[in-house]
Amino acid sequence: MKGVHQIYLFAATLIVAAVFFIQRGMKEDGSPFEVEGLVEVDWQVRHFDEALFGGDSLDWSSLQNQFRPFLQSNPQRYFWQHERENVTLNDHFTNVNNLLDKGAIAEELAQVAGRASALLKLPVPEELYFYISGIDLETPCLYAPSSDGATYAFVGLDNFLGAGYPGYSAIPGYQRALMHPDQIPVQFSHALLSTTFQPTNGDESLLGAMLYYGKLHVATEAFCPTSTTAEVLGFTAEEYAFLLENEARIWEVLVRERLLFSTDMMVRQRLAEAAPFSKLGTAMDAEIPGRVGQFIGYRMIRSYAEQHPDLSLRNLLNIRDARKILRDAQYKP
């Protein structure tokens, strides 16, 4: 097994470098929302992964004094000793240390948190925790304002080791595609937004889902100025290029088949939620990546923002009328 992971480390290094240069070449114009008075982030970066899995033995006193948010769920020493001895978690920890630059990640996330604070007045976390989650597909990052006024952020670094990481072999390919290091600032942004921005209650239409995700991606783009649009949307450079090339055709199908106002849950799932590909009932279905509705929603929200340059990001997120956005975005792919 060790030999497999050593080969993976070498191959992953080459792949990450290649993808970096390809996708950076596709960088677009950036966010329409400018940040004025960027908040300086001075948080404590705490490495729960190193405290738990590093060293010769478990330093229980250190865990109690410096990592209380983790011990709130389970304060028993024997539980954490068992976690420390878990072979799979130790393997994740080793690969995190070999593949990821935690210092660079912390600096980038500080920029994300600062921009989120400047644009939406979100509280800047006082402490950022890196940890090994055991693979958490639902919440790879967490943002937790607490009742006592303190705010914490958590990043499960083992969720971002690359699609080819052997530890992800049981996970479907379309989900593994979002488990790259470039998704750390994106997923961190989603965590920040989760406390202030939710889907519109009562709108079960495909259009409502598309515009919710469109807003999510436009806000994320504003928080992550160094991420490409493909990275923000969670597509490869090739998938994003395909969607841009076929945007008008996809939109034509959505309108012609009267899918925008469909409240069929299956329609939303196959076009707006994570899936291997999007089912539009066309000859090019096998080529259309999953979540095509999110791409169209992003393009619509971008168009709306560009048509209303004086609109703040906060006010854009607060617009709940999907028909108003559809009408006023003047979206014409």
Protein backbone atom coordinates (compact mmCIF):
# COMPACT_ATOMS: atom_id res chain seq x y z
CA MET A 1 0.00 0.00 0.00
CA LYS A 2 2.83 2.40 0.80
CA GLY A 3 4.27 1.88 -2.68
CA VAL A 4 0.93 2.79 -4.23
CA HIS A 5 0.73 6.01 -2.25
CA GLN A 6 4.35 6.95 -3.12
CA ILE A 7 3.56 6.54 -6.82
CA TYR A 8 0.40 8.58 -6.31
CA LEU A 9 2.33 11.40 -4.65
CA PHE A 10 4.67 11.71 -7.64
CA ALA A 11 1.89 11.50 -10.21
CA ALA A 12 -0.31 13.93 -8.28
CA THR A 13 2.47 16.51 -8.18
CA LEU A 14 2.78 16.43 -11.98
CA ILE A 15 -0.98 16.54 -12.54
CA VAL A 16 -1.54 19.44 -10.13
CA ALA A 17 1.19 21.45 -11.85
CA ALA A 18 -0.27 20.79 -15.32
CA VAL A 19 -3.83 21.65 -14.29
CA PHE A 20 -2.64 24.84 -12.58
CA PHE A 21 -1.10 26.24 -15.75
CA ILE A 22 -3.98 25.13 -18.00
CA GLN A 23 -6.70 26.63 -15.83
CA ARG A 24 -4.85 29.84 -15.03
CA GLY A 25 -4.80 30.45 -18.78
CA MET A 26 -8.61 30.45 -18.75
CA LYS A 27 -9.00 33.18 -16.13
CA GLU A 28 -11.83 35.54 -17.08
CA ASP A 29 -12.41 39.16 -16.17
CA GLY A 30 -13.07 38.42 -12.52
CA SER A 31 -15.88 39.48 -10.25
CA PRO A 32 -18.05 42.53 -11.00
CA PHE A 33 -17.95 43.33 -7.26
CA GLU A 34 -14.95 45.35 -6.16
CA VAL A 35 -13.70 45.23 -2.60
CA GLU A 36 -12.99 48.52 -0.87
CA GLY A 37 -11.29 48.58 2.49
CA LEU A 38 -10.18 44.96 2.62
CA VAL A 39 -10.35 43.66 6.18
CA GLU A 40 -7.03 42.49 7.58
CA VAL A 41 -7.39 38.99 8.99
CA ASP A 42 -5.39 38.23 12.10
CA TRP A 43 -6.60 34.81 13.15
CA GLN A 44 -5.00 31.94 15.00
CA VAL A 45 -4.27 28.99 12.74
CA ARG A 46 -4.49 25.80 14.75
CA HIS A 47 -3.46 22.36 13.47
CA PHE A 48 -5.67 19.79 15.12
CA ASP A 49 -4.42 17.21 12.62
CA GLU A 50 -0.86 17.59 13.85
CA ALA A 51 -1.89 17.66 17.51
CA LEU A 52 -3.85 14.43 17.10
CA PHE A 53 -1.69 12.42 14.70
CA GLY A 54 1.78 13.96 15.08
CA GLY A 55 4.28 13.42 17.89
CA ASP A 56 5.21 10.26 19.72
CA SER A 57 2.13 10.18 21.93
CA LEU A 58 -1.20 11.90 22.45
CA ASP A 59 -0.74 15.19 24.30
CA TRP A 60 -4.08 15.22 26.06
CA SER A 61 -3.37 18.43 27.93
CA SER A 62 -2.70 20.27 24.66
CA LEU A 63 -5.92 18.97 23.12
CA GLN A 64 -7.92 20.11 26.15
CA ASN A 65 -6.37 23.58 26.24
CA GLN A 66 -6.09 24.44 22.54
CA PHE A 67 -8.76 22.40 20.72
CA ARG A 68 -11.87 22.68 22.83
CA PRO A 69 -14.26 22.99 19.86
CA PHE A 70 -13.39 19.40 18.89
CA LEU A 71 -13.71 18.05 22.41
CA GLN A 72 -17.18 19.52 22.86
CA SER A 73 -18.66 16.72 20.77
CA ASN A 74 -16.72 14.00 22.58
CA PRO A 75 -14.55 14.88 25.61
CA GLN A 76 -13.41 11.30 26.27
CA ARG A 77 -9.68 10.69 25.99
CA TYR A 78 -10.09 7.06 24.90
CA PHE A 79 -12.13 8.19 21.87
CA TRP A 80 -9.36 10.46 20.62
CA GLN A 81 -6.71 7.85 21.37
CA HIS A 82 -8.69 5.45 19.17
CA GLU A 83 -8.87 8.08 16.42
CA ARG A 84 -5.13 8.62 16.68
CA GLU A 85 -4.53 4.91 16.11
CA ASN A 86 -6.87 4.69 13.09
CA VAL A 87 -4.75 3.53 10.14
CA THR A 88 -6.90 5.18 7.47
CA LEU A 89 -6.91 8.55 9.22
CA ASN A 90 -3.14 8.37 9.67
CA ASP A 91 -2.77 7.65 5.96
CA HIS A 92 -4.86 10.74 5.16
CA PHE A 93 -2.72 12.79 7.56
CA THR A 94 0.51 11.64 5.89
CA ASN A 95 -0.77 12.52 2.42
CA VAL A 96 -2.07 15.91 3.58
CA ASN A 97 1.40 16.78 4.85
CA ASN A 98 3.04 15.57 1.64
CA LEU A 99 0.65 17.13 -0.85
CA LEU A 100 -0.67 20.36 0.67
CA ASP A 101 1.02 23.60 1.69
CA LYS A 102 -0.88 24.53 4.84
CA GLY A 103 0.79 27.92 5.17
CA ALA A 104 -0.21 28.94 1.66
CA ILE A 105 -3.73 27.63 2.22
CA ALA A 106 -4.09 29.65 5.42
CA GLU A 107 -2.94 32.81 3.63
CA GLU A 108 -5.38 32.30 0.76
CA LEU A 109 -8.28 31.60 3.13
CA ALA A 110 -7.43 34.76 5.07
CA GLN A 111 -7.93 36.71 1.84
CA VAL A 112 -11.24 34.93 1.28
CA ALA A 113 -12.43 35.71 4.82
CA GLY A 114 -11.32 39.33 4.49
CA ARG A 115 -13.20 39.83 1.23
CA ALA A 116 -16.31 38.13 2.64
CA SER A 117 -16.21 40.50 5.59
CA ALA A 118 -15.77 43.56 3.37
CA LEU A 119 -18.55 42.59 0.96
CA LEU A 120 -21.13 41.03 3.29
CA LYS A 121 -20.03 42.09 6.80
CA LEU A 122 -19.50 38.47 7.76
CA PRO A 123 -17.57 38.08 11.04
CA VAL A 124 -13.96 37.07 10.46
CA PRO A 125 -13.17 33.79 12.24
CA GLU A 126 -10.95 34.24 15.26
CA GLU A 127 -9.48 30.78 14.80
CA LEU A 128 -8.94 28.58 11.74
CA TYR A 129 -8.62 24.87 12.40
CA PHE A 130 -7.09 22.32 10.05
CA TYR A 131 -8.12 18.75 10.76
CA ILE A 132 -8.58 15.26 9.29
CA SER A 133 -12.29 14.64 8.77
CA GLY A 134 -12.22 11.03 7.63
CA ILE A 135 -13.66 12.28 4.28
CA ASP A 136 -16.72 14.48 4.70
CA LEU A 137 -18.41 15.06 1.35
CA GLU A 138 -21.25 17.14 2.79
CA THR A 139 -19.28 19.64 4.88
CA PRO A 140 -15.58 19.66 3.93
CA CYS A 141 -15.38 23.17 5.43
CA LEU A 142 -17.34 24.69 8.30
CA TYR A 143 -17.95 28.25 9.49
CA ALA A 144 -19.36 28.46 12.98
CA PRO A 145 -20.31 31.73 14.66
CA SER A 146 -21.00 30.72 18.29
CA SER A 147 -23.45 32.09 20.83
CA ASP A 148 -20.64 33.53 22.95
CA GLY A 149 -19.55 35.82 20.11
CA ALA A 150 -16.53 33.79 18.99
CA THR A 151 -16.35 32.59 15.39
CA TYR A 152 -14.47 29.53 14.22
CA ALA A 153 -13.65 28.04 10.83
CA PHE A 154 -12.71 24.44 10.10
CA VAL A 155 -11.14 22.85 7.02
CA GLY A 156 -10.97 19.07 6.61
CA LEU A 157 -7.83 18.93 4.50
CA ASP A 158 -8.23 15.25 3.66
CA ASN A 159 -11.17 16.20 1.42
CA PHE A 160 -8.88 17.94 -1.10
CA LEU A 161 -6.13 15.48 -2.08
CA GLY A 162 -7.01 15.16 -5.77
CA ALA A 163 -9.41 12.96 -7.72
CA GLY A 164 -6.80 10.22 -8.15
CA TYR A 165 -6.07 9.83 -4.44
CA PRO A 166 -6.38 6.09 -3.61
CA GLY A 167 -8.34 6.91 -0.46
CA TYR A 168 -11.19 8.18 -2.67
CA SER A 169 -11.51 5.00 -4.74
CA ALA A 170 -15.00 4.18 -3.42
CA ILE A 171 -16.35 7.68 -4.21
CA PRO A 172 -18.11 8.24 -7.58
CA GLY A 173 -15.98 10.03 -10.15
CA TYR A 174 -18.21 13.08 -10.47
CA GLN A 175 -17.81 13.69 -6.72
CA ARG A 176 -14.06 13.01 -6.74
CA ALA A 177 -13.77 15.73 -9.39
CA LEU A 178 -14.54 18.31 -6.67
CA MET A 179 -11.91 16.99 -4.25
CA HIS A 180 -8.93 18.95 -5.59
CA PRO A 181 -6.80 21.48 -3.68
CA ASP A 182 -8.16 24.28 -5.89
CA GLN A 183 -11.58 23.67 -4.32
CA ILE A 184 -10.43 24.64 -0.80
CA PRO A 185 -11.12 28.40 -1.17
CA VAL A 186 -14.33 27.63 -3.07
CA GLN A 187 -15.71 25.27 -0.43
CA PHE A 188 -14.53 27.63 2.31
CA SER A 189 -16.54 30.40 0.62
CA HIS A 190 -19.59 28.16 0.52
CA ALA A 191 -19.21 27.57 4.25
CA LEU A 192 -19.03 31.32 4.91
CA LEU A 193 -22.14 31.92 2.82
CA SER A 194 -24.14 29.11 4.43
CA THR A 195 -24.93 31.18 7.52
CA THR A 196 -26.36 34.16 5.64
CA PHE A 197 -27.60 32.88 2.28
CA GLN A 198 -30.13 30.08 1.82
CA PRO A 199 -32.39 28.85 -1.02
CA THR A 200 -35.62 30.80 -1.44
CA ASN A 201 -38.37 29.20 0.62
CA GLY A 202 -41.40 28.19 -1.42
CA ASP A 203 -39.67 28.29 -4.82
CA GLU A 204 -39.36 24.67 -5.98
CA SER A 205 -38.78 25.51 -9.64
CA LEU A 206 -35.70 24.63 -11.63
CA LEU A 207 -35.19 28.36 -12.25
CA GLY A 208 -35.20 29.01 -8.50
CA ALA A 209 -32.50 26.37 -7.98
CA MET A 210 -30.46 27.70 -10.91
CA LEU A 211 -30.52 31.25 -9.57
CA TYR A 212 -29.70 30.14 -6.01
CA TYR A 213 -26.57 28.39 -7.27
CA GLY A 214 -25.85 31.26 -9.63
CA LYS A 215 -25.79 33.67 -6.67
CA LEU A 216 -23.65 31.24 -4.68
CA HIS A 217 -21.08 31.08 -7.47
CA VAL A 218 -21.06 34.82 -8.14
CA ALA A 219 -20.48 35.50 -4.42
CA THR A 220 -17.77 32.83 -4.30
CA GLU A 221 -16.11 34.41 -7.32
CA ALA A 222 -16.05 37.73 -5.47
CA PHE A 223 -14.41 36.06 -2.47
CA CYS A 224 -11.82 34.12 -4.52
CA PRO A 225 -10.06 36.49 -6.93
CA THR A 226 -7.27 34.01 -7.75
CA SER A 227 -9.64 31.16 -8.68
CA THR A 228 -10.68 30.64 -12.29
CA THR A 229 -14.35 30.62 -13.22
CA ALA A 230 -14.08 26.89 -13.93
CA GLU A 231 -12.73 26.31 -10.42
CA VAL A 232 -15.45 28.45 -8.86
CA LEU A 233 -18.14 26.43 -10.64
CA GLY A 234 -16.40 23.11 -9.99
CA PHE A 235 -15.75 22.20 -13.62
CA THR A 236 -12.58 21.21 -15.40
CA ALA A 237 -11.20 23.68 -17.92
CA GLU A 238 -12.42 21.42 -20.73
CA GLU A 239 -15.93 21.10 -19.27
CA TYR A 240 -16.23 24.84 -18.81
CA ALA A 241 -15.04 25.49 -22.38
CA PHE A 242 -17.68 23.03 -23.66
CA LEU A 243 -20.42 24.77 -21.68
CA LEU A 244 -19.42 28.19 -23.00
CA GLU A 245 -19.37 26.90 -26.57
CA ASN A 246 -22.79 25.29 -26.23
CA GLU A 247 -24.43 27.82 -23.90
CA ALA A 248 -26.96 29.07 -26.47
CA ARG A 249 -28.00 25.53 -27.42
CA ILE A 250 -28.46 24.51 -23.78
CA TRP A 251 -30.53 27.62 -23.06
CA GLU A 252 -32.66 26.97 -26.14
CA VAL A 253 -33.51 23.47 -24.87
CA LEU A 254 -34.41 24.76 -21.39
CA VAL A 255 -36.79 27.32 -22.89
CA ARG A 256 -38.24 25.11 -25.62
CA GLU A 257 -38.98 22.23 -23.25
CA ARG A 258 -40.45 24.63 -20.66
CA LEU A 259 -38.10 23.36 -17.98
CA LEU A 260 -37.37 26.67 -16.24
CA PHE A 261 -40.58 26.73 -14.22
CA SER A 262 -40.84 23.00 -13.72
CA THR A 263 -41.29 22.03 -10.05
CA ASP A 264 -40.53 18.36 -10.74
CA MET A 265 -37.89 17.30 -8.21
CA MET A 266 -36.36 14.93 -10.76
CA VAL A 267 -35.80 17.82 -13.17
CA ARG A 268 -33.95 19.80 -10.51
CA GLN A 269 -31.86 16.80 -9.55
CA ARG A 270 -30.78 15.92 -13.07
CA LEU A 271 -29.99 19.48 -14.13
CA ALA A 272 -28.97 21.45 -11.03
CA GLU A 273 -27.57 18.91 -8.56
CA ALA A 274 -24.34 16.92 -8.64
CA ALA A 275 -24.47 14.10 -11.21
CA PRO A 276 -22.18 12.40 -13.75
CA PHE A 277 -23.83 14.33 -16.59
CA SER A 278 -26.93 16.44 -17.27
CA LYS A 279 -29.96 14.86 -18.93
CA LEU A 280 -31.53 17.35 -21.32
CA GLY A 281 -32.81 14.78 -23.78
CA THR A 282 -30.41 15.88 -26.53
CA ALA A 283 -27.78 14.14 -28.63
CA MET A 284 -25.05 15.87 -26.66
CA ASP A 285 -26.25 14.72 -23.20
CA ALA A 286 -23.27 12.44 -22.66
CA GLU A 287 -20.95 15.43 -23.17
CA ILE A 288 -22.81 17.87 -20.91
CA PRO A 289 -21.29 17.76 -17.41
CA GLY A 290 -23.55 17.49 -14.39
CA ARG A 291 -24.94 20.65 -12.79
CA VAL A 292 -25.50 22.39 -16.13
CA GLY A 293 -28.30 24.36 -14.47
CA GLN A 294 -25.77 25.88 -12.08
CA PHE A 295 -23.68 27.07 -15.03
CA ILE A 296 -26.69 28.75 -16.69
CA GLY A 297 -27.75 30.22 -13.34
CA TYR A 298 -24.27 31.68 -12.85
CA ARG A 299 -24.34 33.23 -16.32
CA MET A 300 -27.77 34.74 -15.64
CA ILE A 301 -26.70 36.25 -12.32
CA ARG A 302 -23.52 37.60 -13.90
CA SER A 303 -25.65 39.22 -16.59
CA TYR A 304 -27.99 40.70 -13.98
CA ALA A 305 -25.05 42.13 -11.99
CA GLU A 306 -23.54 43.64 -15.12
CA GLN A 307 -26.89 45.23 -16.04
CA HIS A 308 -27.10 46.76 -12.54
CA PRO A 309 -23.56 47.97 -11.76
CA ASP A 310 -24.65 49.98 -8.71
CA LEU A 311 -26.14 46.93 -7.01
CA SER A 312 -24.19 45.59 -4.04
CA LEU A 313 -23.50 41.90 -3.61
CA ARG A 314 -25.62 41.84 -0.46
CA ASN A 315 -28.60 43.34 -2.27
CA LEU A 316 -28.16 40.94 -5.17
CA LEU A 317 -28.27 37.94 -2.83
CA ASN A 318 -31.42 39.33 -1.21
CA ILE A 319 -33.45 39.39 -4.43
CA ARG A 320 -35.95 36.55 -4.08
CA ASP A 321 -38.08 37.10 -7.17
CA ALA A 322 -36.80 34.66 -9.80
CA ARG A 323 -39.05 36.11 -12.51
CA LYS A 324 -37.65 39.59 -11.86
CA ILE A 325 -34.10 38.32 -12.32
CA LEU A 326 -35.09 36.42 -15.46
CA ARG A 327 -36.69 39.56 -16.89
CA ASP A 328 -34.10 42.15 -15.86
CA ALA A 329 -30.94 40.13 -16.44
CA GLN A 330 -31.39 40.52 -20.21
CA TYR A 331 -29.64 37.18 -20.51
CA LYS A 332 -29.19 36.39 -24.20
CA PRO A 333 -26.58 33.70 -24.82
